[in-house]
Amino acid sequence: MIKEQYDDYFSALIAGDRAKCTSIVKGLIEEEVSVQDLYLQLFQASMYEVGKLWENNKISVAVEHMATAITEGLLNLVYPIIFSAEHIGKSAIITCVPKEYHQIGAKMVADIFELNGWDGYFLGANTPTEELLRMVEDKQPDLLGLSMSLYFSLGALEKTIQMVQSTYPQLDILVGGQGFLWGGRDVLTKYPQVNYVDSITGLEKLIQTA
């Protein structure tokens, strides 16, 4: 179903046609396409394609920003479904590492937690670690999720993990993001309580067993 709509959706996204993108997404929601399929097959797939076009100088950074803004707005259309889930008394804080500004992936992760009955506290892009620690103290989450979209943020990710674990050594931490396509997973093995998640599907499996 999504495959049939994808090309029209992507063309509209690149053209900045917010109205057409909105119409397509609303139609898919009305046809009861799952949130997971929307996120994986439409939003994630299209933004990965946008990223590749930008990396290969096929589109400008302005077009990339425009597509990102449209996609973030479209996520809101799914919220009535996401927040209708019965909550189970668990919570997760989801954030990007400092100096990271690509937040759609982390936002979708927070939504998946909500869809599975957790309280998903999404802190957004470029959250200072000191502020993250204050939020952890305030919310006392069952889990912390850190997003790394760019490989050169690996140092910032490590520093964040170290600061969190020095204060909350028993807090489970999930990490993921496109930045790991270029490596870095081996670095995580030296940190207890840290697990790498490679996809939304893998995330859901972990949530359901947590």
C-alpha atoms as a PDB file:
ATOM      1  CA  MET A   1       0.000   0.000   0.000  1.00  0.00           C
ATOM      2  CA  ILE A   2       2.751   2.450   0.945  1.00  0.00           C
ATOM      3  CA  LYS A   3       4.900   1.302  -1.978  1.00  0.00           C
ATOM      4  CA  GLU A   4       2.139   2.387  -4.353  1.00  0.00           C
ATOM      5  CA  GLN A   5       2.123   5.872  -2.827  1.00  0.00           C
ATOM      6  CA  TYR A   6       5.827   6.284  -2.148  1.00  0.00           C
ATOM      7  CA  ASP A   7       6.993   7.793  -5.447  1.00  0.00           C
ATOM      8  CA  ASP A   8       4.228  10.418  -5.462  1.00  0.00           C
ATOM      9  CA  TYR A   9       4.951  11.185  -1.817  1.00  0.00           C
ATOM     10  CA  PHE A  10       8.683  11.554  -2.357  1.00  0.00           C
ATOM     11  CA  SER A  11       8.245  13.795  -5.394  1.00  0.00           C
ATOM     12  CA  ALA A  12       5.908  16.025  -3.396  1.00  0.00           C
ATOM     13  CA  LEU A  13       8.329  16.059  -0.453  1.00  0.00           C
ATOM     14  CA  ILE A  14      11.256  17.199  -2.596  1.00  0.00           C
ATOM     15  CA  ALA A  15       9.072  19.794  -4.288  1.00  0.00           C
ATOM     16  CA  GLY A  16       7.962  21.169  -0.933  1.00  0.00           C
ATOM     17  CA  ASP A  17       4.315  20.285  -1.596  1.00  0.00           C
ATOM     18  CA  ARG A  18       3.199  20.024   2.015  1.00  0.00           C
ATOM     19  CA  ALA A  19      -0.479  19.762   1.086  1.00  0.00           C
ATOM     20  CA  LYS A  20       0.022  16.718  -1.134  1.00  0.00           C
ATOM     21  CA  CYS A  21       2.265  14.994   1.411  1.00  0.00           C
ATOM     22  CA  THR A  22      -0.364  15.624   4.074  1.00  0.00           C
ATOM     23  CA  SER A  23      -3.119  14.249   1.865  1.00  0.00           C
ATOM     24  CA  ILE A  24      -1.167  11.055   1.186  1.00  0.00           C
ATOM     25  CA  VAL A  25      -0.373  10.469   4.855  1.00  0.00           C
ATOM     26  CA  LYS A  26      -3.960  11.130   5.945  1.00  0.00           C
ATOM     27  CA  GLY A  27      -5.154   8.673   3.324  1.00  0.00           C
ATOM     28  CA  LEU A  28      -2.800   5.983   4.588  1.00  0.00           C
ATOM     29  CA  ILE A  29      -3.935   6.580   8.169  1.00  0.00           C
ATOM     30  CA  GLU A  30      -7.577   6.279   7.087  1.00  0.00           C
ATOM     31  CA  GLU A  31      -6.683   2.968   5.425  1.00  0.00           C
ATOM     32  CA  GLU A  32      -5.319   1.882   8.829  1.00  0.00           C
ATOM     33  CA  VAL A  33      -1.721   1.463   7.747  1.00  0.00           C
ATOM     34  CA  SER A  34       0.256   0.768  10.930  1.00  0.00           C
ATOM     35  CA  VAL A  35       2.326   3.474  12.576  1.00  0.00           C
ATOM     36  CA  GLN A  36       5.372   1.240  12.282  1.00  0.00           C
ATOM     37  CA  ASP A  37       4.919   0.884   8.521  1.00  0.00           C
ATOM     38  CA  LEU A  38       4.370   4.619   8.096  1.00  0.00           C
ATOM     39  CA  TYR A  39       7.525   5.386  10.032  1.00  0.00           C
ATOM     40  CA  LEU A  40       9.715   2.764   8.356  1.00  0.00           C
ATOM     41  CA  GLN A  41       8.432   2.645   4.802  1.00  0.00           C
ATOM     42  CA  LEU A  42       7.463   6.285   4.312  1.00  0.00           C
ATOM     43  CA  PHE A  43       9.086   8.732   6.723  1.00  0.00           C
ATOM     44  CA  GLN A  44      12.364   6.925   7.382  1.00  0.00           C
ATOM     45  CA  ALA A  45      12.782   5.663   3.818  1.00  0.00           C
ATOM     46  CA  SER A  46      12.145   9.099   2.305  1.00  0.00           C
ATOM     47  CA  MET A  47      14.462  10.908   4.705  1.00  0.00           C
ATOM     48  CA  TYR A  48      17.242   8.391   4.046  1.00  0.00           C
ATOM     49  CA  GLU A  49      16.775   9.054   0.338  1.00  0.00           C
ATOM     50  CA  VAL A  50      16.848  12.805   0.937  1.00  0.00           C
ATOM     51  CA  GLY A  51      20.085  12.384   2.884  1.00  0.00           C
ATOM     52  CA  LYS A  52      21.708  10.432   0.065  1.00  0.00           C
ATOM     53  CA  LEU A  53      20.694  13.045  -2.500  1.00  0.00           C
ATOM     54  CA  TRP A  54      22.153  15.796  -0.339  1.00  0.00           C
ATOM     55  CA  GLU A  55      25.398  13.885   0.260  1.00  0.00           C
ATOM     56  CA  ASN A  56      25.777  13.457  -3.511  1.00  0.00           C
ATOM     57  CA  ASN A  57      25.049  17.143  -4.200  1.00  0.00           C
ATOM     58  CA  LYS A  58      21.825  16.293  -6.032  1.00  0.00           C
ATOM     59  CA  ILE A  59      19.775  18.605  -3.810  1.00  0.00           C
ATOM     60  CA  SER A  60      20.657  21.686  -1.780  1.00  0.00           C
ATOM     61  CA  VAL A  61      20.774  21.905   1.997  1.00  0.00           C
ATOM     62  CA  ALA A  62      17.708  24.160   1.737  1.00  0.00           C
ATOM     63  CA  VAL A  63      15.722  21.348   0.109  1.00  0.00           C
ATOM     64  CA  GLU A  64      16.968  18.920   2.761  1.00  0.00           C
ATOM     65  CA  HIS A  65      15.836  21.285   5.517  1.00  0.00           C
ATOM     66  CA  MET A  66      12.478  21.781   3.814  1.00  0.00           C
ATOM     67  CA  ALA A  67      11.881  18.029   3.546  1.00  0.00           C
ATOM     68  CA  THR A  68      12.866  17.603   7.184  1.00  0.00           C
ATOM     69  CA  ALA A  69      10.455  20.311   8.325  1.00  0.00           C
ATOM     70  CA  ILE A  70       7.582  18.794   6.329  1.00  0.00           C
ATOM     71  CA  THR A  71       8.287  15.342   7.745  1.00  0.00           C
ATOM     72  CA  GLU A  72       8.373  16.602  11.321  1.00  0.00           C
ATOM     73  CA  GLY A  73       5.003  18.228  10.789  1.00  0.00           C
ATOM     74  CA  LEU A  74       3.545  15.041   9.333  1.00  0.00           C
ATOM     75  CA  LEU A  75       4.528  13.075  12.432  1.00  0.00           C
ATOM     76  CA  ASN A  76       1.904  15.066  14.300  1.00  0.00           C
ATOM     77  CA  LEU A  77      -0.841  13.466  12.192  1.00  0.00           C
ATOM     78  CA  VAL A  78      -0.076  10.117  13.805  1.00  0.00           C
ATOM     79  CA  TYR A  79      -0.223  11.348  17.399  1.00  0.00           C
ATOM     80  CA  PRO A  80      -3.924  10.573  18.046  1.00  0.00           C
ATOM     81  CA  ILE A  81      -3.070   6.897  17.434  1.00  0.00           C
ATOM     82  CA  ILE A  82       0.174   6.971  19.399  1.00  0.00           C
ATOM     83  CA  PHE A  83      -1.237   8.609  22.502  1.00  0.00           C
ATOM     84  CA  SER A  84      -4.304   6.368  22.607  1.00  0.00           C
ATOM     85  CA  ALA A  85      -2.212   3.445  23.857  1.00  0.00           C
ATOM     86  CA  GLU A  86      -2.812   2.298  27.423  1.00  0.00           C
ATOM     87  CA  HIS A  87       0.229   3.214  29.508  1.00  0.00           C
ATOM     88  CA  ILE A  88       2.056   0.637  31.577  1.00  0.00           C
ATOM     89  CA  GLY A  89       3.930   2.779  34.101  1.00  0.00           C
ATOM     90  CA  LYS A  90       7.345   2.768  32.420  1.00  0.00           C
ATOM     91  CA  SER A  91       9.204   5.725  30.967  1.00  0.00           C
ATOM     92  CA  ALA A  92      12.096   6.551  28.664  1.00  0.00           C
ATOM     93  CA  ILE A  93      13.994   9.743  27.942  1.00  0.00           C
ATOM     94  CA  ILE A  94      15.041  10.094  24.320  1.00  0.00           C
ATOM     95  CA  THR A  95      17.486  12.736  23.109  1.00  0.00           C
ATOM     96  CA  CYS A  96      20.170  13.555  20.568  1.00  0.00           C
ATOM     97  CA  VAL A  97      23.784  13.890  21.621  1.00  0.00           C
ATOM     98  CA  PRO A  98      25.160  17.439  22.014  1.00  0.00           C
ATOM     99  CA  LYS A  99      25.809  19.360  18.768  1.00  0.00           C
ATOM    100  CA  GLU A 100      23.491  17.009  16.839  1.00  0.00           C
ATOM    101  CA  TYR A 101      20.608  18.673  14.992  1.00  0.00           C
ATOM    102  CA  HIS A 102      19.007  15.739  13.141  1.00  0.00           C
ATOM    103  CA  GLN A 103      16.175  14.836  15.479  1.00  0.00           C
ATOM    104  CA  ILE A 104      13.525  13.046  13.401  1.00  0.00           C
ATOM    105  CA  GLY A 105      14.907   9.582  14.156  1.00  0.00           C
ATOM    106  CA  ALA A 106      14.965  10.250  17.894  1.00  0.00           C
ATOM    107  CA  LYS A 107      11.471  11.717  17.730  1.00  0.00           C
ATOM    108  CA  MET A 108      10.166   8.569  16.055  1.00  0.00           C
ATOM    109  CA  VAL A 109      11.844   6.454  18.726  1.00  0.00           C
ATOM    110  CA  ALA A 110      10.043   8.402  21.459  1.00  0.00           C
ATOM    111  CA  ASP A 111       6.783   7.853  19.564  1.00  0.00           C
ATOM    112  CA  ILE A 112       7.381   4.093  19.399  1.00  0.00           C
ATOM    113  CA  PHE A 113       7.819   4.026  23.161  1.00  0.00           C
ATOM    114  CA  GLU A 114       4.490   5.856  23.542  1.00  0.00           C
ATOM    115  CA  LEU A 115       2.821   3.444  21.108  1.00  0.00           C
ATOM    116  CA  ASN A 116       3.969   0.600  23.358  1.00  0.00           C
ATOM    117  CA  GLY A 117       2.520   2.174  26.483  1.00  0.00           C
ATOM    118  CA  TRP A 118       5.584   3.956  27.843  1.00  0.00           C
ATOM    119  CA  ASP A 119       5.922   7.636  28.655  1.00  0.00           C
ATOM    120  CA  GLY A 120       8.405   8.834  26.049  1.00  0.00           C
ATOM    121  CA  TYR A 121      10.095  12.104  27.032  1.00  0.00           C
ATOM    122  CA  PHE A 122      11.644  13.539  23.878  1.00  0.00           C
ATOM    123  CA  LEU A 123      14.238  16.262  24.524  1.00  0.00           C
ATOM    124  CA  GLY A 124      15.077  17.088  20.913  1.00  0.00           C
ATOM    125  CA  ALA A 125      18.283  18.099  19.201  1.00  0.00           C
ATOM    126  CA  ASN A 126      21.503  19.371  20.778  1.00  0.00           C
ATOM    127  CA  THR A 127      20.536  18.775  24.397  1.00  0.00           C
ATOM    128  CA  PRO A 128      23.386  19.723  26.771  1.00  0.00           C
ATOM    129  CA  THR A 129      24.420  16.759  28.900  1.00  0.00           C
ATOM    130  CA  GLU A 130      24.025  18.753  32.115  1.00  0.00           C
ATOM    131  CA  GLU A 131      20.380  19.421  31.223  1.00  0.00           C
ATOM    132  CA  LEU A 132      19.894  15.764  30.323  1.00  0.00           C
ATOM    133  CA  LEU A 133      21.174  14.747  33.747  1.00  0.00           C
ATOM    134  CA  ARG A 134      18.713  17.116  35.403  1.00  0.00           C
ATOM    135  CA  MET A 135      15.886  15.544  33.424  1.00  0.00           C
ATOM    136  CA  VAL A 136      17.010  12.050  34.416  1.00  0.00           C
ATOM    137  CA  GLU A 137      17.005  13.133  38.045  1.00  0.00           C
ATOM    138  CA  ASP A 138      13.530  14.616  37.664  1.00  0.00           C
ATOM    139  CA  LYS A 139      11.848  11.806  35.695  1.00  0.00           C
ATOM    140  CA  GLN A 140      13.766   8.776  36.999  1.00  0.00           C
ATOM    141  CA  PRO A 141      13.263   6.884  33.714  1.00  0.00           C
ATOM    142  CA  ASP A 142      13.541   3.145  33.207  1.00  0.00           C
ATOM    143  CA  LEU A 143      15.658   3.745  30.137  1.00  0.00           C
ATOM    144  CA  LEU A 144      17.641   6.430  28.307  1.00  0.00           C
ATOM    145  CA  GLY A 145      17.884   6.558  24.514  1.00  0.00           C
ATOM    146  CA  LEU A 146      20.674   8.454  22.730  1.00  0.00           C
ATOM    147  CA  SER A 147      20.619   9.213  19.002  1.00  0.00           C
ATOM    148  CA  MET A 148      23.786   9.707  16.937  1.00  0.00           C
ATOM    149  CA  SER A 149      23.093  10.699  13.327  1.00  0.00           C
ATOM    150  CA  LEU A 150      26.647  11.667  12.374  1.00  0.00           C
ATOM    151  CA  TYR A 151      29.765   9.557  12.927  1.00  0.00           C
ATOM    152  CA  PHE A 152      31.867  12.529  14.033  1.00  0.00           C
ATOM    153  CA  SER A 153      29.544  12.797  17.067  1.00  0.00           C
ATOM    154  CA  LEU A 154      30.964   9.554  18.489  1.00  0.00           C
ATOM    155  CA  GLY A 155      33.173  11.458  20.932  1.00  0.00           C
ATOM    156  CA  ALA A 156      30.194  13.451  22.200  1.00  0.00           C
ATOM    157  CA  LEU A 157      28.195  10.236  22.564  1.00  0.00           C
ATOM    158  CA  GLU A 158      30.952   8.624  24.615  1.00  0.00           C
ATOM    159  CA  LYS A 159      31.251  11.659  26.858  1.00  0.00           C
ATOM    160  CA  THR A 160      27.500  11.669  27.429  1.00  0.00           C
ATOM    161  CA  ILE A 161      27.484   7.964  28.297  1.00  0.00           C
ATOM    162  CA  GLN A 162      30.365   8.452  30.722  1.00  0.00           C
ATOM    163  CA  MET A 163      28.666  11.373  32.482  1.00  0.00           C
ATOM    164  CA  VAL A 164      25.366   9.527  32.750  1.00  0.00           C
ATOM    165  CA  GLN A 165      26.954   6.328  34.045  1.00  0.00           C
ATOM    166  CA  SER A 166      29.046   8.164  36.600  1.00  0.00           C
ATOM    167  CA  THR A 167      25.840   9.369  38.247  1.00  0.00           C
ATOM    168  CA  TYR A 168      23.360   6.649  37.255  1.00  0.00           C
ATOM    169  CA  PRO A 169      25.438   3.466  36.791  1.00  0.00           C
ATOM    170  CA  GLN A 170      22.376   1.172  36.740  1.00  0.00           C
ATOM    171  CA  LEU A 171      20.402   3.101  34.135  1.00  0.00           C
ATOM    172  CA  ASP A 172      19.910   1.136  30.923  1.00  0.00           C
ATOM    173  CA  ILE A 173      20.998   3.115  27.842  1.00  0.00           C
ATOM    174  CA  LEU A 174      20.026   2.483  24.234  1.00  0.00           C
ATOM    175  CA  VAL A 175      21.964   4.037  21.382  1.00  0.00           C
ATOM    176  CA  GLY A 176      21.286   4.109  17.662  1.00  0.00           C
ATOM    177  CA  GLY A 177      21.254   6.261  14.569  1.00  0.00           C
ATOM    178  CA  GLN A 178      22.674   6.617  11.092  1.00  0.00           C
ATOM    179  CA  GLY A 179      26.075   7.609  12.439  1.00  0.00           C
ATOM    180  CA  PHE A 180      26.804   3.955  13.216  1.00  0.00           C
ATOM    181  CA  LEU A 181      26.775   3.066   9.518  1.00  0.00           C
ATOM    182  CA  TRP A 182      30.411   4.238   9.466  1.00  0.00           C
ATOM    183  CA  GLY A 183      31.437   2.381  12.613  1.00  0.00           C
ATOM    184  CA  GLY A 184      31.597   2.977  16.347  1.00  0.00           C
ATOM    185  CA  ARG A 185      29.633   0.017  17.658  1.00  0.00           C
ATOM    186  CA  ASP A 186      32.803  -1.602  19.009  1.00  0.00           C
ATOM    187  CA  VAL A 187      33.323   1.411  21.278  1.00  0.00           C
ATOM    188  CA  LEU A 188      30.055   0.672  23.066  1.00  0.00           C
ATOM    189  CA  THR A 189      31.200  -2.699  24.383  1.00  0.00           C
ATOM    190  CA  LYS A 190      33.268  -1.079  27.129  1.00  0.00           C
ATOM    191  CA  TYR A 191      30.212   0.556  28.674  1.00  0.00           C
ATOM    192  CA  PRO A 192      27.982  -1.568  30.923  1.00  0.00           C
ATOM    193  CA  GLN A 193      24.222  -1.086  30.573  1.00  0.00           C
ATOM    194  CA  VAL A 194      24.605   0.216  26.993  1.00  0.00           C
ATOM    195  CA  ASN A 195      22.897  -1.549  24.085  1.00  0.00           C
ATOM    196  CA  TYR A 196      22.859  -0.746  20.382  1.00  0.00           C
ATOM    197  CA  VAL A 197      19.554  -0.836  18.486  1.00  0.00           C
ATOM    198  CA  ASP A 198      19.730  -0.915  14.708  1.00  0.00           C
ATOM    199  CA  SER A 199      16.086  -0.356  13.728  1.00  0.00           C
ATOM    200  CA  ILE A 200      12.557   0.450  14.858  1.00  0.00           C
ATOM    201  CA  THR A 201      11.760  -3.249  14.568  1.00  0.00           C
ATOM    202  CA  GLY A 202      14.632  -4.104  16.887  1.00  0.00           C
ATOM    203  CA  LEU A 203      13.539  -1.344  19.246  1.00  0.00           C
ATOM    204  CA  GLU A 204      10.033  -2.744  19.530  1.00  0.00           C
ATOM    205  CA  LYS A 205      11.341  -6.220  20.291  1.00  0.00           C
ATOM    206  CA  LEU A 206      13.483  -4.789  23.072  1.00  0.00           C
ATOM    207  CA  ILE A 207      10.633  -2.674  24.482  1.00  0.00           C
ATOM    208  CA  GLN A 208       8.268  -5.610  24.584  1.00  0.00           C
ATOM    209  CA  THR A 209      10.730  -7.678  26.609  1.00  0.00           C
ATOM    210  CA  ALA A 210      11.826  -4.874  28.945  1.00  0.00           C
END
